C-alpha cells in the first residue's frame, strides 16, 4: 500500500514538473509571437541622406539633406547621429528642417572623430506624417577620395502611438566622391590680338597722303599703327564661346511612384509611376538591393515588374530621373495568395496582456491545480 502511495506521489510530482515547464514554455512562445506581430504591424519609416551620390572638388562646400518618410506612422521625435570620414570631410553646420520643427537638442559636431548629433521633435498633438526635410548638413571637402555619410547606431524615431519604440526600418547613406583640385592655369598670352589683323591691315588710314602738305597731318599714321585697335576685344573670338554653351535641360517635378493605400503589393506585381517624358528612370529597391532602369513613354509613364527574387517584407523604392531628381517610398511585399489590404489582427494586440495570453495562463493554472490534486 505504501509502495502504491509512493508511486502515485512520484507520478504526481513528475506531472507537476512537466506542467510547470509547459506553462513557462507556453508563455515564452506567446510573448515571442506577440513581438513578431508587433514588428509586422509597425509601418516602415525610412531616413535618407540625399543625394545618394555626389562629386565635389577639394576645397568646395556642398550640402546634403536628411529626409524622412514616415509611411503611416505619426512621428513626434527623431534622434540623429551622423557619421562621416573626418579625414576627407569637415561638417561646418547642421541646420534644422521644417518636418520636425522643434529643436529639442542643439546639434553637436565633432570633426575630430567624424560624428554629429541632434534631436528634433513635433508637438504630440500635431505629429509629423508623410515626407519632409529633417535637417541640412553643410560640408567642406578637404582631401581627395571617397567618403560615406551615414546614420549612426543612436539614430531613431518614435511614433506617438508606439510607446517610444523606434519606427525607423531603413536608413540610407550618401557617398561623396572628392576629386583633387584642378591645377591653376597661368594666364598665357592671348592670341586674340594676333588673330585679328583686320584693323592693322586696313590701308584706309595710312593711304591718306592728300594731307601730306600738312606736317601735322602726316603725323597721323599713329591711328594705323595703333595696337589698341588691333587688340580690340570686340574682335575676340571669346565671344563666340558663349554661343556653344549648352542651355540647361528643362526640368519638371520629382518622379512619382504609385502604390496602393495599404502600401502592400503582391509578388509579381507591376509598379507604375511618372517621370520625364521619353527618358530613362533608375529604380533602386532596398533593403535587399535591386537596381534596374526603365524607359518612360511619350506621356511620361513608366512601369516595373517586381522580381520574384525580392524577399517578402518591408522595402523602400527610390525612383531617380535623368536630371537626378528622386522620390523614395516604402511598401510591404506580400505573397501572391495573401490579400492586398491587410487588416490588423486582434488575436494578439500590439502591446499588453490580452485575451490569448490570459487564456494560456488560465489553462496553465488549471493544469497546475490538477497536478497538485494528483500529488495528494
Protein backbone atom coordinates (compact mmCIF):
# COMPACT_ATOMS: atom_id res chain seq x y z
CA UNK A 1 0.00 0.00 0.00
CA UNK A 2 2.86 2.33 0.87
CA UNK A 3 4.61 1.50 -2.38
CA UNK A 4 1.49 2.32 -4.36
CA UNK A 5 1.10 5.58 -2.48
CA UNK A 6 4.75 6.50 -3.12
CA UNK A 7 4.42 5.65 -6.80
CA UNK A 8 1.28 7.78 -7.02
CA UNK A 9 3.05 10.73 -5.41
CA UNK A 10 6.04 10.32 -7.75
CA UNK A 11 3.78 10.34 -10.78
CA UNK A 12 2.03 13.40 -9.40
CA UNK A 13 5.33 15.24 -8.88
CA UNK A 14 6.58 14.39 -12.36
CA UNK A 15 3.28 15.56 -13.82
CA UNK A 16 3.51 18.76 -11.81
CA UNK A 17 7.05 19.47 -13.06
CA UNK A 18 6.00 18.83 -16.65
CA UNK A 19 3.02 21.14 -16.26
CA UNK A 20 5.18 23.94 -14.85
CA UNK A 21 7.74 23.56 -17.64
CA UNK A 22 4.94 23.51 -20.21
CA UNK A 23 3.37 26.64 -18.72
CA UNK A 24 6.66 28.57 -18.82
CA UNK A 25 7.37 27.42 -22.39
CA UNK A 26 3.86 28.37 -23.48
CA UNK A 27 4.13 31.86 -22.03
CA UNK A 28 7.52 32.34 -23.70
CA UNK A 29 6.19 31.29 -27.11
CA UNK A 30 3.14 33.54 -26.76
CA UNK A 31 5.37 36.51 -25.91
CA UNK A 32 7.70 35.74 -28.81
CA UNK A 33 4.79 35.55 -31.25
CA UNK A 34 3.43 38.82 -29.91
CA UNK A 35 6.80 40.54 -30.51
CA UNK A 36 6.87 39.25 -34.08
CA UNK A 37 3.38 40.58 -34.74
CA UNK A 38 4.27 43.92 -33.16
CA UNK A 39 7.11 44.37 -35.63
CA UNK A 40 4.98 43.23 -38.57
CA UNK A 41 2.19 45.64 -37.59
CA UNK A 42 4.52 48.66 -37.42
CA UNK A 43 4.69 50.61 -40.71
CA UNK A 44 8.15 51.05 -42.23
CA UNK A 45 9.52 54.57 -41.74
CA UNK A 46 12.74 55.50 -43.55
CA UNK A 47 15.56 58.02 -43.15
CA UNK A 48 17.69 59.00 -46.14
CA UNK A 49 20.71 61.22 -46.73
CA UNK A 50 20.39 62.80 -50.18
CA UNK A 51 21.65 62.85 -52.79
CA UNK A 52 22.72 59.23 -52.58
CA UNK A 53 25.90 60.03 -54.53
CA UNK A 54 27.64 63.31 -55.29
CA UNK A 55 31.04 64.51 -56.58
CA UNK A 56 32.90 67.62 -55.43
CA UNK A 57 36.42 69.04 -55.56
CA UNK A 58 38.82 69.58 -52.71
CA UNK A 59 38.04 72.89 -51.01
CA UNK A 60 34.45 73.06 -52.23
CA UNK A 61 31.46 73.30 -49.90
CA UNK A 62 28.38 71.22 -50.57
CA UNK A 63 25.08 70.36 -48.95
CA UNK A 64 23.40 67.07 -48.04
CA UNK A 65 19.85 66.75 -46.73
CA UNK A 66 18.36 64.36 -44.18
CA UNK A 67 14.85 63.38 -45.26
CA UNK A 68 12.25 61.19 -43.59
CA UNK A 69 9.34 59.18 -44.95
CA UNK A 70 7.10 58.18 -42.03
CA UNK A 71 4.82 55.89 -44.04
CA UNK A 72 1.70 55.52 -41.84
CA UNK A 73 3.49 56.44 -38.61
CA UNK A 74 2.90 59.70 -36.73
CA UNK A 75 6.43 60.71 -35.68
CA UNK A 76 6.89 63.02 -32.71
CA UNK A 77 10.69 62.95 -32.28
CA UNK A 78 13.87 61.87 -34.05
CA UNK A 79 17.41 61.47 -32.75
CA UNK A 80 20.04 61.88 -35.48
CA UNK A 81 23.57 60.56 -35.27
CA UNK A 82 25.58 61.36 -38.38
CA UNK A 83 28.89 59.57 -39.03
CA UNK A 84 31.38 60.78 -41.66
CA UNK A 85 35.06 60.44 -42.64
CA UNK A 86 36.78 63.29 -40.80
CA UNK A 87 39.98 62.82 -42.84
CA UNK A 88 38.18 63.87 -46.01
CA UNK A 89 35.21 65.96 -44.84
CA UNK A 90 34.53 68.79 -42.41
CA UNK A 91 30.96 69.32 -41.20
CA UNK A 92 30.59 73.07 -40.91
CA UNK A 93 26.93 73.43 -39.98
CA UNK A 94 23.77 71.45 -39.19
CA UNK A 95 20.54 73.32 -39.90
CA UNK A 96 17.11 72.09 -38.69
CA UNK A 97 14.50 71.35 -41.33
CA UNK A 98 10.78 72.01 -41.29
CA UNK A 99 9.47 68.45 -40.95
CA UNK A 100 10.22 68.25 -37.21
CA UNK A 101 10.23 71.96 -36.41
CA UNK A 102 11.26 71.89 -32.73
CA UNK A 103 14.97 71.62 -31.94
CA UNK A 104 14.95 69.56 -28.74
CA UNK A 105 18.73 69.16 -28.51
CA UNK A 106 21.02 71.51 -30.47
CA UNK A 107 23.42 69.97 -32.97
CA UNK A 108 26.82 68.94 -31.62
CA UNK A 109 29.61 68.37 -34.17
CA UNK A 110 32.94 66.63 -33.57
CA UNK A 111 35.14 66.99 -36.65
CA UNK A 112 37.99 65.14 -34.95
CA UNK A 113 36.07 61.89 -34.59
CA UNK A 114 33.72 62.49 -37.51
CA UNK A 115 30.32 62.49 -35.85
CA UNK A 116 27.41 64.82 -35.16
CA UNK A 117 24.16 64.52 -33.23
CA UNK A 118 20.91 66.45 -32.87
CA UNK A 119 17.35 65.83 -31.72
CA UNK A 120 14.24 67.28 -33.36
CA UNK A 121 10.58 66.91 -32.49
CA UNK A 122 7.00 67.89 -33.09
CA UNK A 123 4.08 68.62 -30.78
CA UNK A 124 2.41 65.28 -29.84
CA UNK A 125 -0.96 66.71 -30.77
CA UNK A 126 0.38 67.58 -34.23
CA UNK A 127 2.87 64.82 -35.16
CA UNK A 128 4.71 64.74 -38.48
CA UNK A 129 3.47 62.41 -41.21
CA UNK A 130 4.49 61.84 -44.82
CA UNK A 131 7.79 63.00 -46.32
CA UNK A 132 9.86 66.01 -45.31
CA UNK A 133 13.22 67.63 -44.59
CA UNK A 134 14.60 66.88 -41.11
CA UNK A 135 17.98 68.65 -41.35
CA UNK A 136 20.56 70.10 -43.75
CA UNK A 137 24.26 69.19 -43.48
CA UNK A 138 26.81 71.68 -44.83
CA UNK A 139 30.18 70.02 -45.55
CA UNK A 140 33.55 71.11 -46.90
CA UNK A 141 35.73 68.66 -48.83
CA UNK A 142 39.32 68.66 -47.62
CA UNK A 143 41.04 65.61 -49.15
CA UNK A 144 40.51 63.52 -52.31
CA UNK A 145 38.92 60.11 -52.13
CA UNK A 146 35.55 58.54 -51.36
CA UNK A 147 33.69 59.20 -48.09
CA UNK A 148 30.41 57.87 -46.74
CA UNK A 149 27.99 59.99 -44.74
CA UNK A 150 25.73 57.61 -42.82
CA UNK A 151 23.47 57.23 -39.78
CA UNK A 152 24.99 56.02 -36.53
CA UNK A 153 23.57 53.44 -34.17
CA UNK A 154 21.87 56.05 -31.96
CA UNK A 155 19.63 57.24 -34.79
CA UNK A 156 15.98 56.53 -34.05
CA UNK A 157 12.47 57.98 -34.37
CA UNK A 158 9.46 57.50 -32.13
CA UNK A 159 5.79 57.26 -33.00
CA UNK A 160 3.06 58.86 -30.93
CA UNK A 161 1.23 55.54 -30.59
CA UNK A 162 4.13 53.08 -30.37
CA UNK A 163 5.29 53.50 -26.74
CA UNK A 164 8.59 55.19 -27.69
CA UNK A 165 9.60 52.23 -29.86
CA UNK A 166 11.92 53.00 -32.80
CA UNK A 167 9.91 53.02 -36.06
CA UNK A 168 12.83 53.52 -38.46
CA UNK A 169 13.23 50.41 -40.61
CA UNK A 170 15.57 51.61 -43.37
CA UNK A 171 18.46 54.09 -43.19
CA UNK A 172 20.09 55.15 -46.47
CA UNK A 173 23.58 56.69 -46.58
CA UNK A 174 25.22 59.06 -49.07
CA UNK A 175 28.58 58.50 -50.80
CA UNK A 176 30.71 61.55 -51.63
CA UNK A 177 33.46 61.35 -54.27
CA UNK A 178 36.09 64.05 -53.71
CA UNK A 179 38.24 64.99 -56.68
CA UNK A 180 41.67 66.61 -56.44
CA UNK A 181 41.99 70.35 -57.02
CA UNK A 182 42.20 71.39 -60.66
CA UNK A 183 45.64 72.92 -61.48
CA UNK A 184 45.58 76.69 -61.59
CA UNK A 185 46.15 77.75 -65.18
CA UNK A 186 48.68 80.57 -65.57
CA UNK A 187 47.46 83.24 -67.97
CA UNK A 188 49.01 82.56 -71.36
CA UNK A 189 49.43 85.30 -73.97
CA UNK A 190 46.09 85.81 -75.58
CA UNK A 191 46.14 85.02 -79.29
CA UNK A 192 43.15 87.24 -79.78
CA UNK A 193 45.07 90.32 -80.92
CA UNK A 194 47.28 88.48 -83.41
CA UNK A 195 44.26 86.65 -84.74
CA UNK A 196 42.50 89.84 -85.72
CA UNK A 197 44.68 91.60 -88.38
CA UNK A 198 41.69 93.36 -89.81
CA UNK A 199 42.44 96.66 -88.08
CA UNK A 200 46.20 96.71 -88.84
CA UNK A 201 45.66 95.59 -92.42
CA UNK A 202 43.27 98.38 -93.13
CA UNK A 203 45.03 100.76 -95.62
CA UNK A 204 42.37 103.36 -95.25
CA UNK A 205 44.11 105.43 -92.59
CA UNK A 206 47.67 105.13 -93.99
CA UNK A 207 46.57 105.82 -97.55
CA UNK A 208 45.71 109.47 -96.95
CA UNK A 209 48.71 111.32 -98.50
CA UNK A 210 46.44 114.17 -99.57
CA UNK A 211 47.09 115.69 -96.21
CA UNK A 212 50.92 115.31 -96.50
CA UNK A 213 51.39 119.02 -97.13
CA UNK A 214 50.44 119.47 -93.57
CA UNK A 215 53.19 118.18 -91.33
CA UNK A 216 50.75 117.62 -88.56
CA UNK A 217 48.50 115.59 -90.83
CA UNK A 218 51.42 113.41 -91.95
CA UNK A 219 52.00 112.51 -88.37
CA UNK A 220 48.63 110.81 -88.16
CA UNK A 221 49.67 107.27 -89.13
CA UNK A 222 49.57 106.58 -85.40
CA UNK A 223 46.00 105.51 -85.96
CA UNK A 224 47.06 102.84 -88.45
CA UNK A 225 49.76 101.57 -86.15
CA UNK A 226 47.67 101.78 -83.04
CA UNK A 227 47.83 98.42 -81.32
CA UNK A 228 44.82 99.41 -79.33
CA UNK A 229 42.50 98.90 -82.27
CA UNK A 230 44.16 95.59 -83.21
CA UNK A 231 43.72 94.39 -79.66
CA UNK A 232 40.12 95.40 -79.59
CA UNK A 233 38.25 92.87 -77.55
CA UNK A 234 35.32 93.21 -79.92
CA UNK A 235 37.23 91.09 -82.40
CA UNK A 236 37.95 88.46 -79.74
CA UNK A 237 36.71 85.00 -80.56
CA UNK A 238 35.95 84.61 -76.88
CA UNK A 239 32.54 86.00 -77.58
CA UNK A 240 31.93 83.02 -79.83
CA UNK A 241 32.50 80.66 -76.92
CA UNK A 242 29.28 81.78 -75.28
CA UNK A 243 27.30 80.55 -78.26
CA UNK A 244 28.38 76.94 -77.75
CA UNK A 245 27.42 76.67 -74.05
CA UNK A 246 24.52 74.23 -73.94
CA UNK A 247 21.35 75.58 -72.46
CA UNK A 248 20.18 73.80 -69.32
CA UNK A 249 17.90 70.85 -69.84
CA UNK A 250 14.38 71.80 -68.91
CA UNK A 251 13.23 70.04 -65.76
CA UNK A 252 9.91 69.06 -64.26
CA UNK A 253 8.88 67.96 -60.79
CA UNK A 254 10.12 64.86 -59.00
CA UNK A 255 9.27 61.44 -60.41
CA UNK A 256 6.37 59.60 -58.81
CA UNK A 257 5.58 56.01 -57.86
CA UNK A 258 2.03 54.73 -57.46
CA UNK A 259 1.31 52.40 -54.53
CA UNK A 260 -1.98 51.13 -53.05
CA UNK A 261 -3.28 52.88 -49.95
CA UNK A 262 -2.27 49.89 -47.82
CA UNK A 263 1.34 50.19 -49.10
CA UNK A 264 1.15 46.42 -49.70
CA UNK A 265 1.89 44.83 -53.08
CA UNK A 266 1.95 41.18 -54.13
CA UNK A 267 4.81 39.14 -55.53
CA UNK A 268 4.97 39.60 -59.30
CA UNK A 269 3.01 42.88 -59.24
CA UNK A 270 3.91 45.73 -61.57
CA UNK A 271 4.75 49.13 -60.09
CA UNK A 272 3.97 52.26 -62.10
CA UNK A 273 4.71 55.96 -61.91
CA UNK A 274 5.61 59.09 -63.88
CA UNK A 275 8.82 60.93 -64.74
CA UNK A 276 10.36 62.96 -67.57
CA UNK A 277 8.90 62.15 -70.98
CA UNK A 278 10.88 59.65 -73.09
CA UNK A 279 13.74 59.32 -70.61
CA UNK A 280 15.50 56.67 -68.54
CA UNK A 281 14.40 56.13 -64.93
CA UNK A 282 16.60 54.33 -62.39
CA UNK A 283 14.77 52.18 -59.83
CA UNK A 284 16.50 51.04 -56.63
CA UNK A 285 14.81 48.74 -54.11
CA UNK A 286 16.16 48.23 -50.59
CA UNK A 287 16.71 46.61 -48.04
CA UNK A 288 17.55 43.81 -50.48
CA UNK A 289 19.37 45.98 -53.00
CA UNK A 290 17.96 45.65 -56.53
CA UNK A 291 18.70 48.24 -59.22
CA UNK A 292 17.03 48.49 -62.63
CA UNK A 293 16.49 51.02 -65.42
CA UNK A 294 13.25 51.51 -67.34
CA UNK A 295 12.09 53.89 -70.07
CA UNK A 296 9.19 56.30 -69.85
CA UNK A 297 6.75 56.57 -72.73
CA UNK A 298 5.60 59.65 -74.63
CA UNK A 299 3.29 60.58 -71.75
CA UNK A 300 5.98 60.15 -69.08
CA UNK A 301 4.65 56.88 -67.64
CA UNK A 302 6.91 54.02 -66.56
CA UNK A 303 6.27 50.50 -65.27
CA UNK A 304 8.42 47.92 -63.47
CA UNK A 305 7.59 44.34 -62.54
CA UNK A 306 8.81 43.32 -59.08
CA UNK A 307 11.29 40.44 -59.49
CA UNK A 308 10.47 37.09 -57.92
CA UNK A 309 13.82 37.15 -56.10
CA UNK A 310 12.69 40.00 -53.82
CA UNK A 311 12.05 38.77 -50.30
CA UNK A 312 8.71 39.24 -48.54
CA UNK A 313 8.52 42.08 -46.01
CA UNK A 314 9.17 45.81 -45.80
CA UNK A 315 11.19 47.57 -48.51
CA UNK A 316 11.82 51.06 -49.90
CA UNK A 317 11.84 52.06 -53.55
CA UNK A 318 13.79 55.06 -54.86
CA UNK A 319 12.97 56.37 -58.35
CA UNK A 320 15.54 58.72 -59.92
CA UNK A 321 15.00 60.55 -63.23
CA UNK A 322 17.56 61.66 -65.82
CA UNK A 323 18.06 65.01 -64.05
CA UNK A 324 18.92 63.43 -60.70
CA UNK A 325 15.55 64.17 -59.06
CA UNK A 326 14.41 61.28 -56.88
CA UNK A 327 11.45 60.09 -54.84
CA UNK A 328 11.54 57.42 -52.11
CA UNK A 329 8.52 55.45 -50.91
CA UNK A 330 8.07 52.41 -48.69
CA UNK A 331 5.98 49.31 -49.32
CA UNK A 332 5.42 45.80 -48.00
CA UNK A 333 5.78 42.81 -50.31
CA UNK A 334 3.23 40.07 -49.61
CA UNK A 335 2.80 36.60 -51.12
CA UNK A 336 0.58 36.25 -54.18
CA UNK A 337 -2.15 34.42 -52.27
CA UNK A 338 -2.39 36.99 -49.46
CA UNK A 339 -5.00 39.78 -49.52
CA UNK A 340 -3.79 43.13 -50.85
CA UNK A 341 -5.39 45.04 -48.00
CA UNK A 342 -4.02 43.84 -44.67
CA UNK A 343 -6.05 44.37 -41.53
CA UNK A 344 -4.57 44.38 -38.07
CA UNK A 345 -5.31 41.15 -36.24
CA UNK A 346 -6.99 41.38 -32.85
CA UNK A 347 -5.85 37.92 -31.83
CA UNK A 348 -2.65 39.32 -30.33
CA UNK A 349 -2.74 43.10 -29.94
CA UNK A 350 0.41 45.19 -30.24
CA UNK A 351 1.05 45.60 -26.54
CA UNK A 352 -0.16 44.45 -23.13
CA UNK A 353 -1.52 41.13 -21.86
CA UNK A 354 -4.69 40.37 -23.84
CA UNK A 355 -7.17 37.54 -24.38
CA UNK A 356 -4.92 34.75 -25.83
CA UNK A 357 -2.30 35.25 -23.14
CA UNK A 358 -4.95 35.28 -20.41
CA UNK A 359 -6.42 32.02 -21.76
CA UNK A 360 -2.96 30.46 -21.80
CA UNK A 361 -2.27 31.49 -18.20
CA UNK A 362 -5.69 30.32 -17.04
CA UNK A 363 -5.26 26.94 -18.77
CA UNK A 364 -1.83 26.51 -17.23
CA UNK A 365 -3.19 27.36 -13.78
CA UNK A 366 -5.94 24.73 -14.13
CA UNK A 367 -3.42 22.10 -15.15
CA UNK A 368 -1.25 23.10 -12.21
CA UNK A 369 -4.17 22.62 -9.80
CA UNK A 370 -4.92 19.26 -11.40
CA UNK A 371 -1.30 18.17 -10.89
CA UNK A 372 -1.41 19.19 -7.23
CA UNK A 373 -4.58 17.14 -6.71
CA UNK A 374 -2.89 14.11 -8.25
CA UNK A 375 0.09 14.56 -5.98
CA UNK A 376 -2.03 14.49 -2.79
